[in-house]
Amino acid sequence: MINNKSQIPNSNLQLAKEIKMIVAKILKVPEEKIREDANLFADLGVDSLLGVEIFAALDKKYNLNVPEEKVKDVVTVKDLINLVQGLLAKQ
């Protein structure tokens, strides 16, 4: 389904898989290493630059404008998935 040039996933499961694929691609690690309970910083080694890259990729794919105050709440992959789900639900 296409909406505002963004590709909205058909299910939360598909969304989670797509987000894990994006994170894995940016971090250059196999997708299976991206667990939902993984801490983006401590477990996966995301720094501020990689974080910006991840959010830029999500913005491009889903046409999101993530509020800065919401970004600060993202610690785990699951937090990231929940944030994107919430923002897509508001579109």
Foldseek 3Di string as FASTA:
>chain_A
DADPNADDDPDLVVLLQVLLVLLCVLLVHDSVLQDQADFCCPRSPDDPVSLVVSVVVLCNRGVFDDDPVLSVVDTGSNSVSVSSVVRSVVD
